[in-house]
């Protein structure tokens, strides 16, 4: 197998593994988030689909720049943006 293909597959596996791990870690904190925000199950349930919507919009926005200049130049700034917005 070509080294570039193998490296790309490994990078995709690493990203997906990290994403799954972070989602699992986030899920266990949902009760604490509900309590701190003063939101009930219903309110949080109505807001959670926004995560999927945000992911969809983000993927649609990142697609054309990735096609033009490659994921290696688009993913790090995107990750930094997500990190900055999450800590705000």
PDB file of N, CA and C in Angstrom:
ATOM      1  N   UNK A   1       0.849  -1.179   0.000  1.00  0.00           N
ATOM      2  CA  UNK A   1       0.000   0.000   0.000  1.00  0.00           C
ATOM      3  C   UNK A   1       0.896   1.244   0.000  1.00  0.00           C
ATOM      4  N   UNK A   2       0.476   2.225  -0.718  1.00  0.00           N
ATOM      5  CA  UNK A   2       1.220   3.472  -0.810  1.00  0.00           C
ATOM      6  C   UNK A   2       1.325   4.139   0.563  1.00  0.00           C
ATOM      7  N   UNK A   3       2.495   4.697   0.848  1.00  0.00           N
ATOM      8  CA  UNK A   3       2.724   5.323   2.158  1.00  0.00           C
ATOM      9  C   UNK A   3       1.780   6.495   2.409  1.00  0.00           C
ATOM     10  N   UNK A   4       1.474   7.279   1.348  1.00  0.00           N
ATOM     11  CA  UNK A   4       0.569   8.426   1.506  1.00  0.00           C
ATOM     12  C   UNK A   4      -0.833   7.967   1.882  1.00  0.00           C
ATOM     13  N   UNK A   5      -1.290   6.919   1.253  1.00  0.00           N
ATOM     14  CA  UNK A   5      -2.628   6.391   1.564  1.00  0.00           C
ATOM     15  C   UNK A   5      -2.656   5.868   2.993  1.00  0.00           C
ATOM     16  N   UNK A   6      -1.623   5.142   3.370  1.00  0.00           N
ATOM     17  CA  UNK A   6      -1.558   4.604   4.740  1.00  0.00           C
ATOM     18  C   UNK A   6      -1.528   5.733   5.767  1.00  0.00           C
ATOM     19  N   UNK A   7      -0.743   6.779   5.494  1.00  0.00           N
ATOM     20  CA  UNK A   7      -0.662   7.921   6.417  1.00  0.00           C
ATOM     21  C   UNK A   7      -2.009   8.631   6.495  1.00  0.00           C
ATOM     22  N   UNK A   8      -2.701   8.782   5.366  1.00  0.00           N
ATOM     23  CA  UNK A   8      -4.019   9.419   5.374  1.00  0.00           C
ATOM     24  C   UNK A   8      -5.033   8.612   6.168  1.00  0.00           C
ATOM     25  N   UNK A   9      -5.000   7.309   5.991  1.00  0.00           N
ATOM     26  CA  UNK A   9      -5.929   6.457   6.753  1.00  0.00           C
ATOM     27  C   UNK A   9      -5.639   6.517   8.246  1.00  0.00           C
ATOM     28  N   UNK A  10      -4.359   6.522   8.587  1.00  0.00           N
ATOM     29  CA  UNK A  10      -3.994   6.609  10.001  1.00  0.00           C
ATOM     30  C   UNK A  10      -4.430   7.951  10.597  1.00  0.00           C
ATOM     31  N   UNK A  11      -4.255   9.022   9.845  1.00  0.00           N
ATOM     32  CA  UNK A  11      -4.679  10.343  10.322  1.00  0.00           C
ATOM     33  C   UNK A  11      -6.189  10.386  10.504  1.00  0.00           C
ATOM     34  N   UNK A  12      -6.939   9.813   9.558  1.00  0.00           N
ATOM     35  CA  UNK A  12      -8.397   9.791   9.687  1.00  0.00           C
ATOM     36  C   UNK A  12      -8.813   8.961  10.891  1.00  0.00           C
ATOM     37  N   UNK A  13      -8.171   7.822  11.094  1.00  0.00           N
ATOM     38  CA  UNK A  13      -8.476   6.982  12.251  1.00  0.00           C
ATOM     39  C   UNK A  13      -8.190   7.724  13.554  1.00  0.00           C
ATOM     40  N   UNK A  14      -7.071   8.429  13.602  1.00  0.00           N
ATOM     41  CA  UNK A  14      -6.725   9.181  14.814  1.00  0.00           C
ATOM     42  C   UNK A  14      -7.755  10.266  15.100  1.00  0.00           C
ATOM     43  N   UNK A  15      -8.164  11.004  14.075  1.00  0.00           N
ATOM     44  CA  UNK A  15      -9.166  12.065  14.261  1.00  0.00           C
ATOM     45  C   UNK A  15     -10.493  11.491  14.729  1.00  0.00           C
ATOM     46  N   UNK A  16     -10.941  10.423  14.097  1.00  0.00           N
ATOM     47  CA  UNK A  16     -12.229   9.833  14.474  1.00  0.00           C
ATOM     48  C   UNK A  16     -12.178   9.234  15.877  1.00  0.00           C
ATOM     49  N   UNK A  17     -11.051   8.618  16.222  1.00  0.00           N
ATOM     50  CA  UNK A  17     -10.899   8.066  17.570  1.00  0.00           C
ATOM     51  C   UNK A  17     -10.937   9.182  18.607  1.00  0.00           C
ATOM     52  N   UNK A  18     -10.202  10.250  18.357  1.00  0.00           N
ATOM     53  CA  UNK A  18     -10.207  11.384  19.281  1.00  0.00           C
ATOM     54  C   UNK A  18     -11.600  11.992  19.397  1.00  0.00           C
ATOM     55  N   UNK A  19     -12.294  12.126  18.283  1.00  0.00           N
ATOM     56  CA  UNK A  19     -13.637  12.675  18.296  1.00  0.00           C
ATOM     57  C   UNK A  19     -14.568  11.804  19.134  1.00  0.00           C
ATOM     58  N   UNK A  20     -14.508  10.499  18.938  1.00  0.00           N
ATOM     59  CA  UNK A  20     -15.345   9.590  19.723  1.00  0.00           C
ATOM     60  C   UNK A  20     -15.022   9.652  21.209  1.00  0.00           C
ATOM     61  N   UNK A  21     -13.742   9.720  21.533  1.00  0.00           N
ATOM     62  CA  UNK A  21     -13.335   9.817  22.930  1.00  0.00           C
ATOM     63  C   UNK A  21     -13.855  11.103  23.566  1.00  0.00           C
ATOM     64  N   UNK A  22     -13.687  12.217  22.861  1.00  0.00           N
ATOM     65  CA  UNK A  22     -14.141  13.497  23.401  1.00  0.00           C
ATOM     66  C   UNK A  22     -15.654  13.549  23.545  1.00  0.00           C
ATOM     67  N   UNK A  23     -16.370  12.950  22.604  1.00  0.00           N
ATOM     68  CA  UNK A  23     -17.828  12.905  22.719  1.00  0.00           C
ATOM     69  C   UNK A  23     -18.239  12.092  23.938  1.00  0.00           C
ATOM     70  N   UNK A  24     -17.564  10.980  24.171  1.00  0.00           N
ATOM     71  CA  UNK A  24     -17.862  10.168  25.350  1.00  0.00           C
ATOM     72  C   UNK A  24     -17.574  10.905  26.648  1.00  0.00           C
ATOM     73  N   UNK A  25     -16.458  11.627  26.679  1.00  0.00           N
ATOM     74  CA  UNK A  25     -16.115  12.405  27.871  1.00  0.00           C
ATOM     75  C   UNK A  25     -17.151  13.501  28.096  1.00  0.00           C
ATOM     76  N   UNK A  26     -17.580  14.142  27.013  1.00  0.00           N
ATOM     77  CA  UNK A  26     -18.568  15.221  27.129  1.00  0.00           C
ATOM     78  C   UNK A  26     -19.899  14.685  27.648  1.00  0.00           C
ATOM     79  N   UNK A  27     -20.281  13.516  27.164  1.00  0.00           N
ATOM     80  CA  UNK A  27     -21.587  12.959  27.559  1.00  0.00           C
ATOM     81  C   UNK A  27     -21.726  12.751  29.057  1.00  0.00           C
ATOM     82  N   UNK A  28     -20.669  12.341  29.710  1.00  0.00           N
ATOM     83  CA  UNK A  28     -20.786  12.094  31.148  1.00  0.00           C
ATOM     84  C   UNK A  28     -20.951  13.394  31.926  1.00  0.00           C
ATOM     85  N   UNK A  29     -20.660  14.532  31.307  1.00  0.00           N
ATOM     86  CA  UNK A  29     -20.798  15.819  31.986  1.00  0.00           C
ATOM     87  C   UNK A  29     -22.146  16.491  31.747  1.00  0.00           C
ATOM     88  N   UNK A  30     -23.026  15.872  30.982  1.00  0.00           N
ATOM     89  CA  UNK A  30     -24.314  16.487  30.666  1.00  0.00           C
ATOM     90  C   UNK A  30     -25.116  16.830  31.915  1.00  0.00           C
ATOM     91  N   UNK A  31     -25.234  15.942  32.913  1.00  0.00           N
ATOM     92  CA  UNK A  31     -25.999  16.334  34.109  1.00  0.00           C
ATOM     93  C   UNK A  31     -25.437  17.571  34.805  1.00  0.00           C
ATOM     94  N   UNK A  32     -24.124  17.671  34.895  1.00  0.00           N
ATOM     95  CA  UNK A  32     -23.515  18.849  35.504  1.00  0.00           C
ATOM     96  C   UNK A  32     -23.759  20.112  34.689  1.00  0.00           C
ATOM     97  N   UNK A  33     -23.733  19.974  33.375  1.00  0.00           N
ATOM     98  CA  UNK A  33     -24.001  21.117  32.503  1.00  0.00           C
ATOM     99  C   UNK A  33     -25.439  21.573  32.672  1.00  0.00           C
ATOM    100  N   UNK A  34     -26.362  20.613  32.729  1.00  0.00           N
ATOM    101  CA  UNK A  34     -27.764  20.963  32.950  1.00  0.00           C
ATOM    102  C   UNK A  34     -27.932  21.729  34.255  1.00  0.00           C
ATOM    103  N   UNK A  35     -27.280  21.245  35.297  1.00  0.00           N
ATOM    104  CA  UNK A  35     -27.416  21.881  36.616  1.00  0.00           C
ATOM    105  C   UNK A  35     -26.830  23.291  36.612  1.00  0.00           C
ATOM    106  N   UNK A  36     -25.618  23.455  36.063  1.00  0.00           N
ATOM    107  CA  UNK A  36     -24.983  24.779  36.046  1.00  0.00           C
ATOM    108  C   UNK A  36     -25.731  25.767  35.173  1.00  0.00           C
ATOM    109  N   UNK A  37     -26.286  25.292  34.068  1.00  0.00           N
ATOM    110  CA  UNK A  37     -27.000  26.186  33.155  1.00  0.00           C
ATOM    111  C   UNK A  37     -28.432  26.428  33.607  1.00  0.00           C
ATOM    112  N   UNK A  38     -28.911  25.617  34.532  1.00  0.00           N
ATOM    113  CA  UNK A  38     -30.293  25.753  34.971  1.00  0.00           C
ATOM    114  C   UNK A  38     -31.281  25.282  33.924  1.00  0.00           C
ATOM    115  N   UNK A  39     -30.840  24.398  33.053  1.00  0.00           N
ATOM    116  CA  UNK A  39     -31.691  23.889  31.975  1.00  0.00           C
ATOM    117  C   UNK A  39     -32.165  22.489  32.331  1.00  0.00           C
ATOM    118  N   UNK A  40     -33.375  22.180  31.960  1.00  0.00           N
ATOM    119  CA  UNK A  40     -33.907  20.848  32.186  1.00  0.00           C
ATOM    120  C   UNK A  40     -33.587  19.922  31.022  1.00  0.00           C
ATOM    121  N   UNK A  41     -34.023  18.679  31.142  1.00  0.00           N
ATOM    122  CA  UNK A  41     -33.793  17.694  30.085  1.00  0.00           C
ATOM    123  C   UNK A  41     -34.424  18.137  28.764  1.00  0.00           C
ATOM    124  N   UNK A  42     -35.610  18.686  28.835  1.00  0.00           N
ATOM    125  CA  UNK A  42     -36.323  19.076  27.610  1.00  0.00           C
ATOM    126  C   UNK A  42     -35.597  20.206  26.891  1.00  0.00           C
ATOM    127  N   UNK A  43     -35.162  21.209  27.635  1.00  0.00           N
ATOM    128  CA  UNK A  43     -34.466  22.341  27.012  1.00  0.00           C
ATOM    129  C   UNK A  43     -33.150  21.884  26.385  1.00  0.00           C
ATOM    130  N   UNK A  44     -32.412  21.070  27.106  1.00  0.00           N
ATOM    131  CA  UNK A  44     -31.157  20.581  26.563  1.00  0.00           C
ATOM    132  C   UNK A  44     -31.403  19.667  25.369  1.00  0.00           C
ATOM    133  N   UNK A  45     -32.453  18.878  25.421  1.00  0.00           N
ATOM    134  CA  UNK A  45     -32.800  18.018  24.300  1.00  0.00           C
ATOM    135  C   UNK A  45     -33.143  18.804  23.051  1.00  0.00           C
ATOM    136  N   UNK A  46     -33.741  19.968  23.227  1.00  0.00           N
ATOM    137  CA  UNK A  46     -34.036  20.814  22.058  1.00  0.00           C
ATOM    138  C   UNK A  46     -32.773  21.468  21.512  1.00  0.00           C
ATOM    139  N   UNK A  47     -31.780  21.687  22.358  1.00  0.00           N
ATOM    140  CA  UNK A  47     -30.548  22.341  21.916  1.00  0.00           C
ATOM    141  C   UNK A  47     -29.536  21.367  21.311  1.00  0.00           C
ATOM    142  N   UNK A  48     -29.565  20.111  21.720  1.00  0.00           N
ATOM    143  CA  UNK A  48     -28.566  19.160  21.246  1.00  0.00           C
ATOM    144  C   UNK A  48     -28.570  18.946  19.734  1.00  0.00           C
ATOM    145  N   UNK A  49     -29.707  18.995  19.049  1.00  0.00           N
ATOM    146  CA  UNK A  49     -29.640  18.866  17.584  1.00  0.00           C
ATOM    147  C   UNK A  49     -28.833  19.978  16.914  1.00  0.00           C
ATOM    148  N   UNK A  50     -28.637  21.076  17.621  1.00  0.00           N
ATOM    149  CA  UNK A  50     -27.803  22.139  17.062  1.00  0.00           C
ATOM    150  C   UNK A  50     -26.355  21.674  16.883  1.00  0.00           C
ATOM    151  N   UNK A  51     -25.927  20.698  17.695  1.00  0.00           N
ATOM    152  CA  UNK A  51     -24.583  20.147  17.504  1.00  0.00           C
ATOM    153  C   UNK A  51     -24.455  19.528  16.119  1.00  0.00           C
ATOM    154  N   UNK A  52     -25.444  18.738  15.738  1.00  0.00           N
ATOM    155  CA  UNK A  52     -25.428  18.139  14.408  1.00  0.00           C
ATOM    156  C   UNK A  52     -25.512  19.180  13.316  1.00  0.00           C
ATOM    157  N   UNK A  53     -26.357  20.182  13.521  1.00  0.00           N
ATOM    158  CA  UNK A  53     -26.481  21.255  12.536  1.00  0.00           C
ATOM    159  C   UNK A  53     -25.186  22.037  12.394  1.00  0.00           C
ATOM    160  N   UNK A  54     -24.555  22.307  13.523  1.00  0.00           N
ATOM    161  CA  UNK A  54     -23.275  23.010  13.485  1.00  0.00           C
ATOM    162  C   UNK A  54     -22.197  22.196  12.779  1.00  0.00           C
ATOM    163  N   UNK A  55     -22.201  20.890  13.016  1.00  0.00           N
ATOM    164  CA  UNK A  55     -21.236  20.022  12.328  1.00  0.00           C
ATOM    165  C   UNK A  55     -21.487  20.039  10.825  1.00  0.00           C
ATOM    166  N   UNK A  56     -22.749  19.988  10.433  1.00  0.00           N
ATOM    167  CA  UNK A  56     -23.088  20.011   9.011  1.00  0.00           C
ATOM    168  C   UNK A  56     -22.621  21.303   8.367  1.00  0.00           C
ATOM    169  N   UNK A  57     -22.924  22.419   8.994  1.00  0.00           N
ATOM    170  CA  UNK A  57     -22.521  23.719   8.446  1.00  0.00           C
ATOM    171  C   UNK A  57     -20.993  23.823   8.391  1.00  0.00           C
ATOM    172  N   UNK A  58     -20.334  23.366   9.446  1.00  0.00           N
ATOM    173  CA  UNK A  58     -18.872  23.417   9.467  1.00  0.00           C
ATOM    174  C   UNK A  58     -18.234  22.571   8.377  1.00  0.00           C
ATOM    175  N   UNK A  59     -18.785  21.381   8.155  1.00  0.00           N
ATOM    176  CA  UNK A  59     -18.238  20.525   7.102  1.00  0.00           C
ATOM    177  C   UNK A  59     -18.479  21.121   5.719  1.00  0.00           C
ATOM    178  N   UNK A  60     -19.659  21.706   5.522  1.00  0.00           N
ATOM    179  CA  UNK A  60     -19.946  22.335   4.232  1.00  0.00           C
ATOM    180  C   UNK A  60     -19.033  23.548   4.012  1.00  0.00           C
ATOM    181  N   UNK A  61     -18.727  24.274   5.075  1.00  0.00           N
ATOM    182  CA  UNK A  61     -17.869  25.446   4.948  1.00  0.00           C
ATOM    183  C   UNK A  61     -16.402  25.059   4.752  1.00  0.00           C
ATOM    184  N   UNK A  62     -15.970  23.961   5.361  1.00  0.00           N
ATOM    185  CA  UNK A  62     -14.562  23.558   5.279  1.00  0.00           C
ATOM    186  C   UNK A  62     -14.251  22.763   4.018  1.00  0.00           C
ATOM    187  N   UNK A  63     -15.264  22.253   3.330  1.00  0.00           N
ATOM    188  CA  UNK A  63     -15.033  21.431   2.147  1.00  0.00           C
ATOM    189  C   UNK A  63     -14.305  22.136   1.021  1.00  0.00           C
ATOM    190  N   UNK A  64     -14.822  23.263   0.536  1.00  0.00           N
ATOM    191  CA  UNK A  64     -14.132  23.945  -0.578  1.00  0.00           C
ATOM    192  C   UNK A  64     -12.695  24.382  -0.254  1.00  0.00           C
ATOM    193  N   UNK A  65     -12.431  24.967   0.936  1.00  0.00           N
ATOM    194  CA  UNK A  65     -11.022  25.296   1.225  1.00  0.00           C
ATOM    195  C   UNK A  65     -10.132  24.053   1.296  1.00  0.00           C
ATOM    196  N   UNK A  66     -10.675  22.946   1.796  1.00  0.00           N
ATOM    197  CA  UNK A  66      -9.892  21.708   1.848  1.00  0.00           C
ATOM    198  C   UNK A  66      -9.586  21.192   0.454  1.00  0.00           C
ATOM    199  N   UNK A  67     -10.551  21.317  -0.446  1.00  0.00           N
ATOM    200  CA  UNK A  67     -10.319  20.888  -1.825  1.00  0.00           C
ATOM    201  C   UNK A  67      -9.239  21.739  -2.492  1.00  0.00           C
ATOM    202  N   UNK A  68      -9.239  23.031  -2.203  1.00  0.00           N
ATOM    203  CA  UNK A  68      -8.277  23.935  -2.844  1.00  0.00           C
ATOM    204  C   UNK A  68      -6.872  23.790  -2.272  1.00  0.00           C
ATOM    205  N   UNK A  69      -6.759  23.794  -0.950  1.00  0.00           N
ATOM    206  CA  UNK A  69      -5.419  23.857  -0.356  1.00  0.00           C
ATOM    207  C   UNK A  69      -5.050  22.639   0.478  1.00  0.00           C
ATOM    208  N   UNK A  70      -5.938  21.685   0.622  1.00  0.00           N
ATOM    209  CA  UNK A  70      -5.617  20.471   1.370  1.00  0.00           C
ATOM    210  C   UNK A  70      -6.029  20.564   2.822  1.00  0.00           C
ATOM    211  N   UNK A  71      -6.352  19.416   3.381  1.00  0.00           N
ATOM    212  CA  UNK A  71      -6.811  19.360   4.767  1.00  0.00           C
ATOM    213  C   UNK A  71      -5.717  19.747   5.749  1.00  0.00           C
ATOM    214  N   UNK A  72      -4.475  19.525   5.370  1.00  0.00           N
ATOM    215  CA  UNK A  72      -3.364  19.838   6.269  1.00  0.00           C
ATOM    216  C   UNK A  72      -3.298  21.324   6.603  1.00  0.00           C
ATOM    217  N   UNK A  73      -3.786  22.176   5.703  1.00  0.00           N
ATOM    218  CA  UNK A  73      -3.774  23.616   5.965  1.00  0.00           C
ATOM    219  C   UNK A  73      -5.087  24.113   6.556  1.00  0.00           C
ATOM    220  N   UNK A  74      -6.166  23.335   6.443  1.00  0.00           N
ATOM    221  CA  UNK A  74      -7.484  23.779   6.909  1.00  0.00           C
ATOM    222  C   UNK A  74      -7.798  23.257   8.311  1.00  0.00           C
ATOM    223  N   UNK A  75      -7.417  22.030   8.612  1.00  0.00           N
ATOM    224  CA  UNK A  75      -7.803  21.411   9.882  1.00  0.00           C
ATOM    225  C   UNK A  75      -7.182  22.105  11.096  1.00  0.00           C
ATOM    226  N   UNK A  76      -5.882  22.406  11.136  1.00  0.00           N
ATOM    227  CA  UNK A  76      -5.341  23.056  12.345  1.00  0.00           C
ATOM    228  C   UNK A  76      -6.005  24.388  12.704  1.00  0.00           C
ATOM    229  N   UNK A  77      -6.221  25.314  11.742  1.00  0.00           N
ATOM    230  CA  UNK A  77      -6.929  26.544  12.126  1.00  0.00           C
ATOM    231  C   UNK A  77      -8.371  26.268  12.560  1.00  0.00           C
ATOM    232  N   UNK A  78      -9.017  25.295  11.915  1.00  0.00           N
ATOM    233  CA  UNK A  78     -10.376  24.937  12.315  1.00  0.00           C
ATOM    234  C   UNK A  78     -10.422  24.394  13.729  1.00  0.00           C
ATOM    235  N   UNK A  79      -9.450  23.546  14.061  1.00  0.00           N
ATOM    236  CA  UNK A  79      -9.384  22.996  15.413  1.00  0.00           C
ATOM    237  C   UNK A  79      -9.125  24.094  16.438  1.00  0.00           C
ATOM    238  N   UNK A  80      -8.272  25.046  16.093  1.00  0.00           N
ATOM    239  CA  UNK A  80      -8.003  26.165  16.996  1.00  0.00           C
ATOM    240  C   UNK A  80      -9.254  27.009  17.203  1.00  0.00           C
ATOM    241  N   UNK A  81     -10.021  27.215  16.137  1.00  0.00           N
ATOM    242  CA  UNK A  81     -11.270  27.972  16.245  1.00  0.00           C
ATOM    243  C   UNK A  81     -12.268  27.256  17.156  1.00  0.00           C
ATOM    244  N   UNK A  82     -12.387  25.952  16.987  1.00  0.00           N
ATOM    245  CA  UNK A  82     -13.311  25.182  17.829  1.00  0.00           C
ATOM    246  C   UNK A  82     -12.875  25.249  19.281  1.00  0.00           C
ATOM    247  N   UNK A  83     -11.590  25.132  19.526  1.00  0.00           N
ATOM    248  CA  UNK A  83     -11.061  25.192  20.891  1.00  0.00           C
ATOM    249  C   UNK A  83     -11.329  26.556  21.517  1.00  0.00           C
ATOM    250  N   UNK A  84     -11.101  27.615  20.737  1.00  0.00           N
ATOM    251  CA  UNK A  84     -11.315  28.972  21.254  1.00  0.00           C
ATOM    252  C   UNK A  84     -12.788  29.216  21.536  1.00  0.00           C
ATOM    253  N   UNK A  85     -13.657  28.742  20.670  1.00  0.00           N
ATOM    254  CA  UNK A  85     -15.095  28.963  20.875  1.00  0.00           C
ATOM    255  C   UNK A  85     -15.629  28.112  22.023  1.00  0.00           C
ATOM    256  N   UNK A  86     -15.013  26.952  22.272  1.00  0.00           N
ATOM    257  CA  UNK A  86     -15.467  26.098  23.355  1.00  0.00           C
ATOM    258  C   UNK A  86     -15.079  26.669  24.716  1.00  0.00           C
ATOM    259  N   UNK A  87     -13.968  27.383  24.770  1.00  0.00           N
ATOM    260  CA  UNK A  87     -13.518  27.919  26.054  1.00  0.00           C
ATOM    261  C   UNK A  87     -14.145  29.275  26.355  1.00  0.00           C
ATOM    262  N   UNK A  88     -14.840  29.849  25.392  1.00  0.00           N
ATOM    263  CA  UNK A  88     -15.455  31.161  25.602  1.00  0.00           C
ATOM    264  C   UNK A  88     -16.709  31.063  26.430  1.00  0.00           C
TER     265      UNK A  88
END
